[in-house]
Protein backbone atom coordinates (compact mmCIF):
# COMPACT_ATOMS: atom_id res chain seq x y z
CA MET A 1 -18.87 15.36 12.83
CA LYS A 2 -15.80 17.17 11.86
CA LYS A 3 -16.48 19.14 8.49
CA PHE A 4 -12.79 19.19 7.08
CA THR A 5 -13.40 17.35 3.79
CA LEU A 6 -15.48 20.41 2.71
CA LEU A 7 -12.21 22.43 2.54
CA LEU A 8 -11.12 20.27 -0.53
CA LEU A 9 -14.50 20.92 -2.32
CA LEU A 10 -14.05 24.76 -1.61
CA LEU A 11 -10.81 24.62 -3.43
CA PHE A 12 -12.15 23.00 -6.57
CA ASN A 13 -15.34 24.88 -6.81
CA ALA A 14 -14.47 28.45 -6.09
CA HIS A 15 -11.80 30.18 -8.46
CA TRP A 16 -11.61 33.48 -6.44
CA LEU A 17 -10.86 31.97 -2.86
CA LEU A 18 -8.53 33.73 -0.58
CA PHE A 19 -5.68 31.42 -2.00
CA ASN A 20 -6.71 29.56 -4.94
CA GLY A 21 -4.94 26.38 -4.25
CA GLN A 22 -5.24 22.57 -5.56
CA PRO A 23 -5.69 20.06 -3.01
CA SER A 24 -3.02 17.39 -3.56
CA MET A 25 0.47 18.61 -4.04
CA PHE A 26 3.16 17.12 -2.20
CA ASN A 27 6.30 19.53 -1.49
CA GLY A 28 9.64 19.90 0.09
CA GLN A 29 10.97 18.61 3.23
CA PRO A 30 10.51 14.80 4.30
CA SER A 31 7.87 13.78 6.52
CA MET A 32 5.90 10.51 6.20
CA PHE A 33 2.24 10.24 5.00
CA ASN A 34 0.80 6.86 3.79
CA GLY A 35 4.39 5.78 2.85
CA GLN A 36 5.13 8.82 0.96
CA TRP A 37 7.80 11.51 1.92
CA SER A 38 5.98 14.65 1.05
CA MET A 39 4.73 18.37 1.57
CA PHE A 40 2.03 20.54 0.18
CA ASN A 41 2.69 23.83 -1.17
CA VAL A 42 0.71 25.71 -3.88
CA LEU A 43 1.94 28.99 -5.18
CA ALA A 44 -0.25 31.96 -6.45
CA ASN A 45 -0.48 34.67 -8.98
CA ASP A 46 -0.87 38.15 -7.33
CA GLY A 47 -4.44 39.40 -6.23
CA VAL A 48 -5.88 42.64 -5.04
CA TYR A 49 -7.29 42.84 -1.46
CA TYR A 50 -8.18 45.37 1.20
CA THR A 51 -6.61 44.96 4.81
CA SER A 52 -8.19 44.85 8.30
CA GLY A 53 -4.96 44.69 10.59
CA ASN A 54 -3.22 41.81 9.23
CA VAL A 55 -6.49 40.25 7.73
CA LEU A 56 -6.48 40.06 3.86
CA VAL A 57 -9.65 39.99 2.07
CA PRO A 58 -9.83 39.81 -1.81
CA LEU A 59 -11.42 42.41 -3.91
CA ARG A 60 -12.29 42.83 -7.68
CA GLU A 61 -10.26 45.74 -9.21
CA THR A 62 -12.45 47.87 -11.24
CA ASP A 63 -9.81 50.45 -12.36
CA ILE A 64 -6.59 48.46 -13.01
CA SER A 65 -6.29 46.15 -15.64
CA ALA A 66 -3.64 43.07 -16.28
CA LYS A 67 -2.29 44.09 -19.59
CA LYS A 68 0.64 41.65 -19.79
CA GLU A 69 2.15 38.75 -17.57
CA VAL A 70 5.12 36.76 -18.19
CA LEU A 71 5.61 33.89 -15.76
CA GLU A 72 8.90 32.01 -15.95
CA ILE A 73 9.39 28.83 -13.71
CA THR A 74 12.81 27.18 -13.82
CA LEU A 75 13.10 23.53 -12.14
CA CYS A 76 16.57 23.80 -10.61
CA LYS A 77 19.19 21.05 -9.57
CA ASP A 78 19.12 21.49 -5.91
CA SER A 79 15.29 20.61 -5.49
CA PHE A 80 14.25 24.06 -5.63
CA ALA A 81 12.45 25.97 -8.10
CA THR A 82 12.74 29.72 -8.97
CA VAL A 83 9.77 31.69 -10.12
CA THR A 84 9.97 35.19 -11.94
CA VAL A 85 6.72 37.02 -12.58
CA ASP A 86 6.84 40.16 -14.47
CA TYR A 87 3.35 42.06 -14.90
CA THR A 88 2.34 45.15 -16.89
CA PHE A 89 -0.93 46.86 -15.33
CA TYR A 90 -2.92 49.83 -16.44
CA ASN A 91 -4.54 52.25 -14.40
CA ASN A 92 -7.44 53.79 -15.84
CA SER A 93 -8.20 56.21 -13.10
CA GLU A 94 -5.95 58.55 -10.84
CA ASP A 95 -3.02 57.68 -8.90
CA LYS A 96 -3.83 55.26 -6.11
CA THR A 97 -2.40 52.93 -3.76
CA VAL A 98 -3.68 49.33 -3.91
CA THR A 99 -2.73 46.42 -1.66
CA MET A 100 -1.29 43.47 -3.58
CA ALA A 101 -0.48 39.83 -2.24
CA PHE A 102 1.27 36.95 -3.27
CA GLU A 103 -0.13 33.73 -1.51
CA ALA A 104 1.50 30.30 -0.81
CA ALA A 105 -0.42 27.50 0.93
CA ALA A 106 0.56 26.11 4.11
CA PRO A 107 2.95 22.99 4.04
CA TYR A 108 1.11 19.75 4.00
CA ASN A 109 2.37 16.87 5.71
CA ALA A 110 5.60 18.67 6.74
CA TRP A 111 4.36 19.20 10.40
CA ALA A 112 6.21 22.49 10.52
CA PRO A 113 4.98 24.80 13.32
CA ILE A 114 3.01 27.83 12.15
CA ASN A 115 5.04 30.88 11.49
CA ARG A 116 2.79 33.46 13.05
CA GLN A 117 4.76 36.21 11.22
CA GLY A 118 3.23 34.89 8.04
CA SER A 119 6.69 34.03 6.23
CA HIS A 120 6.35 30.64 4.50
CA PRO A 121 9.04 28.05 5.84
CA PHE A 122 10.18 26.91 2.49
CA ILE A 123 10.16 30.04 0.33
CA GLU A 124 13.45 32.18 0.01
CA ASP A 125 14.92 35.29 -1.64
CA PHE A 126 11.29 36.97 -2.08
CA THR A 127 11.57 40.10 -3.89
CA VAL A 128 9.38 42.74 -5.17
CA LEU A 129 10.21 45.65 -8.04
CA PHE A 130 7.45 48.21 -8.56
CA ASN A 131 8.27 50.33 -11.64
CA GLY A 132 11.83 49.34 -11.33
CA GLU A 133 12.24 50.06 -7.75
CA PRO A 134 12.60 47.83 -4.83
CA LEU A 135 9.19 47.66 -2.71
CA PRO A 136 8.83 46.57 0.98
CA TYR A 137 6.52 43.58 1.82
CA ARG A 138 4.70 42.32 4.86
CA ASN A 139 3.58 39.05 5.65
CA ALA A 140 0.48 37.58 7.07
CA LEU A 141 -1.53 34.54 7.55
CA VAL A 142 -4.82 34.22 5.53
CA GLY A 143 -7.60 31.66 5.93
CA ILE A 144 -10.64 30.23 4.48
CA THR A 145 -13.43 29.29 6.90
CA ALA A 146 -15.19 26.02 6.08
CA ASN A 147 -18.00 25.21 8.70
CA PHE A 148 -21.10 24.12 6.56
CA SER A 149 -23.00 21.19 6.82
CA SER A 150 -22.76 19.78 3.27
CA SER A 151 -20.86 20.39 -0.03
CA GLU A 152 -24.30 21.70 -1.41
CA ASP A 153 -24.25 24.49 1.06
CA ALA A 154 -20.63 25.46 0.11
CA ARG A 155 -21.64 25.90 -3.54
CA ASN A 156 -24.44 28.02 -2.62
CA ARG A 157 -23.02 30.23 -0.03
CA LYS A 158 -20.99 33.33 -0.92
CA ASP A 159 -19.72 34.20 2.67
CA TYR A 160 -17.00 31.70 3.13
CA LEU A 161 -14.39 34.62 3.07
CA ALA A 162 -15.30 35.71 6.66
CA PRO A 163 -12.33 37.46 8.19
CA LEU A 164 -9.92 35.10 10.32
CA ASP A 165 -8.84 36.56 13.57
CA PRO A 166 -5.62 35.06 13.99
CA ASN A 167 -5.75 35.48 17.90
CA GLU A 168 -8.56 33.01 17.94
CA TRP A 169 -7.43 30.33 15.42
CA LYS A 170 -4.39 27.93 16.32
CA GLY A 171 -2.34 25.37 14.48
CA TYR A 172 0.27 22.89 14.45
CA GLY A 173 2.66 23.32 17.41
CA GLU A 174 0.20 25.81 19.38
CA VAL A 175 -2.55 22.86 20.03
CA ALA A 176 -2.40 19.13 20.63
CA ASP A 177 -1.76 17.17 17.35
CA SER A 178 -4.82 14.95 18.13
CA LEU A 179 -7.12 18.15 17.59
CA LEU A 180 -6.05 18.63 14.02
CA PRO A 181 -7.08 16.37 11.14
CA MET A 182 -4.04 17.75 9.09
CA ASP A 183 -1.17 19.84 9.70
CA ASP A 184 -2.28 22.63 7.19
CA VAL A 185 -5.44 23.72 8.94
CA LEU A 186 -6.17 25.88 11.89
CA ILE A 187 -8.66 25.42 14.76
CA ASN A 188 -10.51 27.69 16.73
CA PRO A 189 -10.79 25.97 20.30
CA ALA A 190 -13.80 27.95 21.35
CA LEU A 191 -15.94 26.76 18.38
CA PRO A 192 -16.40 22.85 18.23
CA ASP A 193 -15.40 21.11 14.93
CA SER A 194 -14.48 24.46 13.25
CA PHE A 195 -11.63 24.11 10.90
CA CYS A 196 -9.78 26.87 8.49
CA SER A 197 -7.52 26.02 5.69
CA PHE A 198 -4.66 28.77 5.67
CA ALA A 199 -2.04 30.16 3.52
CA TYR A 200 1.10 32.55 3.81
CA ALA A 201 0.76 35.89 2.33
CA TYR A 202 3.31 38.42 0.87
CA TYR A 203 1.50 41.55 0.58
CA PHE A 204 2.60 45.28 -0.16
CA ASP A 205 1.34 48.55 -1.14
CA ALA A 206 1.48 49.40 -4.78
CA PRO A 207 1.61 53.03 -5.60
CA PHE A 208 -0.23 52.81 -9.09
CA ARG A 209 0.14 56.09 -11.15
CA LYS A 210 -2.17 56.65 -13.84
CA GLY A 211 -1.33 54.86 -16.97
CA GLU A 212 1.23 51.96 -17.31
CA ASN A 213 2.91 50.24 -14.13
CA ARG A 214 5.12 47.19 -13.96
CA VAL A 215 5.34 44.66 -11.18
CA ARG A 216 8.14 42.03 -10.99
CA HIS A 217 8.76 39.52 -8.05
CA THR A 218 11.08 36.59 -7.75
CA TYR A 219 11.43 34.00 -5.28
CA ARG A 220 12.88 30.30 -4.68
CA TYR A 221 10.88 27.63 -3.05
CA ARG A 222 11.51 24.11 -2.24
CA MET A 223 9.57 21.52 -4.73
CA SER A 224 7.10 18.90 -4.00
CA TRP A 225 8.30 15.34 -4.06
CA GLY A 226 7.06 11.89 -2.93
CA VAL A 227 6.78 8.34 -3.72
CA GLY A 228 6.70 8.01 -7.57
CA ARG A 229 7.77 11.68 -8.01
CA ASP A 230 10.89 13.43 -7.30
CA TYR A 231 9.43 16.94 -7.95
CA GLU A 232 5.76 18.54 -8.19
CA VAL A 233 4.99 22.27 -9.10
CA SER A 234 1.57 23.86 -8.76
CA TYR A 235 0.84 27.35 -9.69
CA THR A 236 -2.46 29.17 -9.19
CA LEU A 237 -3.07 31.32 -12.23
CA THR A 238 -6.69 32.21 -11.35
CA PRO A 239 -5.98 35.32 -8.97
CA VAL A 240 -5.43 37.52 -12.21
CA THR A 241 -9.00 37.39 -12.94
CA ARG A 242 -9.81 39.59 -9.91
CA TRP A 243 -8.19 42.63 -11.81
CA ARG A 244 -10.29 44.69 -14.17
CA GLY A 245 -11.73 42.71 -17.12
CA GLY A 246 -11.15 39.44 -15.48
CA GLN A 247 -8.34 38.44 -17.57
CA VAL A 248 -4.64 39.34 -18.56
CA ASP A 249 -4.61 40.65 -22.17
CA ASP A 250 -1.16 39.16 -23.11
CA PHE A 251 0.17 36.08 -21.18
CA THR A 252 3.36 34.03 -21.54
CA LEU A 253 4.53 30.88 -19.80
CA ARG A 254 7.98 29.77 -19.79
CA ILE A 255 9.04 26.53 -18.18
CA LYS A 256 12.77 25.56 -17.95
CA SER A 257 15.07 23.02 -16.16
CA GLU A 258 18.59 23.10 -15.02
CA THR A 259 18.78 19.22 -15.59
CA ASP A 260 17.24 16.72 -18.01
CA ARG A 261 13.75 16.15 -17.06
CA GLU A 262 10.59 14.68 -18.66
CA ILE A 263 7.43 16.52 -17.48
CA VAL A 264 3.60 16.30 -17.82
CA MET A 265 1.18 19.05 -17.22
CA ASN A 266 -2.59 19.46 -17.36
CA ASP A 267 -3.27 20.99 -20.61
CA SER A 268 -7.08 21.65 -21.04
CA LEU A 269 -6.21 24.84 -19.52
CA PHE A 270 -3.93 25.87 -22.82
CA LEU A 271 -5.96 24.36 -25.35
CA GLY A 272 -6.48 27.86 -27.10
CA ALA A 273 -3.08 27.88 -28.34
CA PRO A 274 -0.18 25.51 -29.04
CA PHE A 275 3.03 25.10 -26.78
CA LYS A 276 6.40 25.67 -28.45
CA LEU A 277 9.34 23.72 -27.51
CA LYS A 278 12.58 25.75 -28.23
CA GLY A 279 15.39 22.84 -28.02
CA ILE A 280 15.49 19.16 -28.58
CA GLY A 281 12.49 16.54 -28.43
CA ASP A 282 8.91 16.51 -29.36
CA ILE A 283 5.62 17.57 -27.53
CA TYR A 284 2.76 15.24 -27.39
CA GLN A 285 -0.81 15.74 -26.42
CA LEU A 286 -1.98 13.02 -24.35
CA GLN A 287 -5.09 11.65 -22.66
CA SER A 288 -5.01 9.51 -19.61
CA ASP A 289 -6.87 8.16 -16.93
CA TYR A 290 -4.55 9.12 -14.29
CA TRP A 291 -5.90 11.23 -11.70
CA GLY A 292 -6.11 15.10 -12.74
CA TYR A 293 -4.96 14.32 -16.41
CA SER A 294 -7.93 13.53 -18.63
CA GLN A 295 -5.92 16.04 -20.92
CA CYS A 296 -2.31 16.69 -20.54
CA LEU A 297 0.93 17.44 -22.27
CA PHE A 298 4.39 15.69 -22.48
CA ALA A 299 7.41 17.60 -22.96
CA PRO A 300 11.13 16.73 -22.87
CA LEU A 301 12.79 19.60 -20.69
CA MET A 302 16.60 19.02 -21.63
CA GLU A 303 18.88 21.29 -20.05
CA GLY A 304 18.73 24.56 -22.21
CA ASN A 305 15.25 23.78 -23.59
CA VAL A 306 12.49 26.26 -22.96
CA LEU A 307 8.83 25.27 -23.19
CA GLU A 308 6.84 28.25 -23.94
CA TRP A 309 2.92 29.20 -24.43
CA HIS A 310 1.33 32.56 -25.42
CA SER A 311 -2.13 33.58 -25.32
CA THR A 312 -4.23 36.51 -25.54
CA ASN A 313 -7.30 37.60 -23.47
CA PHE A 314 -6.24 34.86 -20.95
CA ALA A 315 -8.98 34.20 -18.28
CA PRO A 316 -7.77 31.02 -16.63
CA LYS A 317 -10.27 28.83 -14.79
CA GLU A 318 -7.78 26.23 -13.86
CA ASN A 319 -4.40 26.17 -12.30
CA LEU A 320 -0.92 24.88 -13.58
CA HIS A 321 0.35 21.63 -12.34
CA ILE A 322 3.67 19.96 -13.39
CA GLU A 323 4.97 16.52 -12.49
CA PRO A 324 7.34 13.93 -13.90
CA LEU A 325 6.09 11.78 -16.71
CA TYR A 326 6.57 8.52 -14.78
CA VAL A 327 3.46 9.38 -12.75
CA LEU A 328 1.74 8.13 -15.98
CA LYS A 329 3.56 5.10 -16.23
CA GLY A 330 1.82 2.10 -14.80
CA GLY A 331 4.28 -0.73 -14.31
CA VAL A 332 7.50 0.81 -14.20
CA ARG A 333 10.01 -1.09 -12.16
CA GLY A 334 9.90 -0.32 -8.72
CA LEU A 335 6.62 1.61 -8.61
CA SER A 336 4.02 -1.00 -9.35
CA ASN A 337 3.21 -4.52 -9.81
CA GLN A 338 0.74 -4.05 -12.50
CA GLY A 339 1.02 -2.12 -15.88
CA ARG A 340 -0.52 -1.83 -19.42
CA VAL A 341 1.28 -3.12 -22.47
CA VAL A 342 0.68 -2.26 -26.19
CA VAL A 343 0.74 -5.37 -28.28
CA THR A 344 0.82 -4.99 -32.12
CA LYS A 345 -0.05 -7.48 -34.85
CA ASP A 346 3.26 -8.66 -35.43
CA GLY A 347 3.59 -9.30 -31.62
CA SER A 348 5.92 -6.37 -30.65
CA GLU A 349 5.20 -5.23 -27.03
CA MET A 350 5.57 -1.72 -25.85
CA ARG A 351 4.81 0.24 -22.66
CA TYR A 352 1.63 1.84 -22.71
CA ILE A 353 1.81 5.28 -21.22
CA ALA A 354 -1.24 7.08 -22.56
CA ASP A 355 -3.72 7.69 -25.33
CA SER A 356 -2.81 10.16 -28.04
CA GLY A 357 -5.66 10.66 -30.44
CA ASP A 358 -5.72 7.72 -32.70
CA ASN A 359 -2.46 6.68 -31.29
CA TYR A 360 -1.07 4.94 -28.37
CA PHE A 361 1.85 6.78 -26.54
CA ILE A 362 4.26 4.12 -25.84
CA GLU A 363 7.92 3.61 -24.50
CA VAL A 364 10.62 0.79 -25.31
CA GLN A 365 14.01 2.49 -25.42
CA ASP A 366 12.40 5.75 -26.48
CA TYR A 367 9.14 7.33 -26.74
CA GLY A 368 6.71 7.31 -29.54
CA LEU A 369 3.38 6.63 -31.05
CA VAL A 370 1.66 3.48 -32.34
CA PRO A 371 -1.63 3.54 -34.30
CA LYS A 372 -4.41 2.18 -32.36
CA ALA A 373 -5.65 0.08 -35.45
CA GLY A 374 -4.36 -3.13 -35.33
CA ALA A 375 -2.85 -2.90 -31.66
CA LYS A 376 -4.37 -3.91 -28.46
CA VAL A 377 -3.67 -2.88 -24.82
CA LYS A 378 -3.38 -5.42 -22.20
CA LEU A 379 -3.13 -5.29 -18.39
CA ARG A 380 -0.32 -7.40 -16.97
CA GLU A 381 -0.05 -8.24 -13.42
CA ALA A 382 2.59 -9.79 -11.13
CA THR A 383 0.16 -11.61 -9.15
CA LYS A 384 -1.13 -13.43 -12.13
CA GLY A 385 2.12 -14.57 -13.20
CA GLN A 386 2.68 -12.05 -15.74
CA GLY A 387 5.40 -9.55 -16.67
CA PHE A 388 9.31 -9.73 -15.81
CA VAL A 389 11.37 -9.47 -12.74
CA TYR A 390 14.77 -7.59 -12.65
CA LEU A 391 17.33 -7.43 -9.89
CA ASN A 392 17.78 -3.90 -8.44
CA SER A 393 20.75 -2.23 -9.99
CA ASP A 394 22.70 -2.12 -6.74
CA ILE A 395 22.45 -5.79 -6.29
CA ARG A 396 25.48 -7.85 -7.29
CA LYS A 397 24.38 -11.32 -6.25
CA ALA A 398 20.79 -12.59 -5.40
CA ASN A 399 19.71 -15.82 -4.12
CA VAL A 400 17.00 -17.68 -5.77
CA ARG A 401 15.19 -19.81 -3.07
CA GLN A 402 13.34 -22.95 -3.21
CA LYS A 403 10.39 -21.53 -1.28
CA PRO A 404 9.35 -18.08 -0.63
CA SER A 405 10.97 -17.89 2.63
CA LEU A 406 14.51 -16.59 4.20
CA LYS A 407 14.93 -19.91 5.76
CA SER A 408 14.34 -21.82 2.38
CA LYS A 409 17.06 -23.58 0.62
CA VAL A 410 19.08 -21.63 -2.00
CA LEU A 411 18.79 -23.14 -5.24
CA PHE A 412 21.32 -20.91 -7.01
CA THR A 413 22.80 -17.51 -7.01
CA LEU A 414 22.21 -14.80 -9.80
CA ASP A 415 24.97 -12.47 -10.70
CA ASN A 416 24.10 -8.89 -11.96
CA ASP A 417 26.65 -6.80 -13.48
CA GLY A 418 24.10 -3.83 -13.31
CA GLU A 419 24.77 -2.46 -16.88
CA LEU A 420 22.23 -4.60 -19.14
CA PRO A 421 19.58 -5.88 -16.71
CA GLU A 422 18.34 -9.41 -17.50
CA GLY A 423 14.57 -9.89 -17.26
CA TYR A 424 13.33 -13.08 -15.70
CA PRO A 425 9.60 -14.35 -16.42
CA CYS A 426 7.28 -13.68 -13.56
CA LEU A 427 5.18 -16.68 -12.37
CA GLY A 428 3.62 -14.97 -9.44
CA PHE A 429 3.84 -12.68 -6.52
CA VAL A 430 3.30 -13.94 -3.05
CA SER A 431 3.63 -13.29 0.77
CA HIS A 432 5.28 -15.37 3.64
CA LYS A 433 4.94 -14.76 7.33
CA GLU A 434 8.55 -14.93 8.46
CA ALA A 435 9.97 -15.75 11.89
CA ASP A 436 9.99 -12.24 13.02
CA GLY A 437 6.27 -12.00 12.52
CA PHE A 438 6.42 -9.65 9.54
CA TYR A 439 5.23 -10.73 5.95
CA LYS A 440 7.60 -10.56 3.22
CA TRP A 441 6.77 -10.44 -0.54
CA TRP A 442 8.53 -12.80 -3.22
CA TYR A 443 8.44 -12.99 -6.88
CA LYS A 444 8.22 -16.60 -8.28
CA VAL A 445 10.39 -16.55 -11.41
CA ASN A 446 11.68 -18.79 -14.15
CA VAL A 447 15.45 -18.77 -14.70
CA ASN A 448 16.59 -20.77 -17.55
CA GLY A 449 13.94 -23.37 -16.92
CA LYS A 450 14.19 -23.58 -13.22
CA THR A 451 11.56 -22.01 -10.92
CA GLY A 452 12.49 -20.28 -7.62
CA TYR A 453 11.70 -17.35 -5.54
CA ILE A 454 13.26 -13.91 -5.38
CA SER A 455 12.63 -11.45 -2.43
CA GLU A 456 10.86 -8.17 -3.39
CA GLU A 457 13.41 -6.35 -1.40
CA ILE A 458 16.12 -7.11 -4.03
CA ALA A 459 14.20 -7.07 -7.17
CA ASN A 460 11.37 -5.04 -9.20
CA TRP A 461 8.68 -5.95 -11.61
CA ASP A 462 8.19 -4.60 -15.06
CA SER A 463 5.20 -5.17 -17.68
CA ILE A 464 7.59 -5.84 -20.53
CA GLN A 465 10.98 -7.30 -21.24
CA LEU A 466 13.62 -4.55 -21.93
């Protein structure tokens, strides 16, 4: 039996792995996976290593401590993000050279052939400055072996960082596709059912002098995207715990955007200090049952806004993940056919997004809070004849048919000016097998007292009337 699922467990349970990733990020260039155009890419803080050929193995540094880190992430207009990391390290011993490395997880679902030179296919303009001077860097593939019989074995074993011989491990473009469960893993053809997750490393020899030293590096990379999200950013913070003391003494995170965006990010990592928003808008602390977001933060990143967080003695045990707000919005038009609604005592209805302490975080025309006392949350579903149907904004005329079929009689035609969408009460959501053998879905609607069917291809559902 293939033992691939263990890779994901390793990534969650070990916070000092060769690359400290999160298992579900979609990034970059388009490729189809379960109906999503997506890729996988996780970026990381710098860790300390020893080298054996072009194999990197992580160490725990005992002489050099991370005194300060300023991490700045900018979401750009061109689907890229830029990252700048400024470190101040303190060497408590005599002058010495240390191998440092930045890691980026292999693209997922991109089906890009492996770059054996170790340069990530979706990272650009990588630079390193050490004490103000440009520093040359090298590239390598790094891997995590995962050939244990159970997840319990993985939690109990400490030797899963076995050195990876790049001459023995092959990846996409080097072996038959049928041998690989996914494109972000390597296989050793000589060892049955042996898989290895891998990352691209940018490593350099840092000549630390005694006392204070500064390291700064920058790069651009193509952000994640998929159905329901036009960007995702994951950044691994935990490698900083490999330095002396297991922490960074003074840490600052800054997040910016070149265009207006509404973001959510995992917040349990940052509960020790409040975020500050420099600019327009409000920050909300949210609780959601969306996967990965039991505790999250919402912030509007208008152009010119800066979201900033500062902490001392920062020893991260989790990693940073940023997504659009609409990943929390069940029932948003075009993304779902079910969603929750907050209904108040006076009958007002608002789209439910998440809990926020004693309040519900809601949306109508804008975002806000509604006290839980006296309000209820109801689930609405198109299949149960609930909610409202809206024509797509690019549809100017739409046929309403007598039955859910392209061959059915047209009862009347709707005009759509695209400016103020009109919602029609949804009476159901049904499928019908057409003459070509394919099933099409139809909304049953009420239009001014008349009942008919509108094709899902030209309409969307929402839980509330706008």
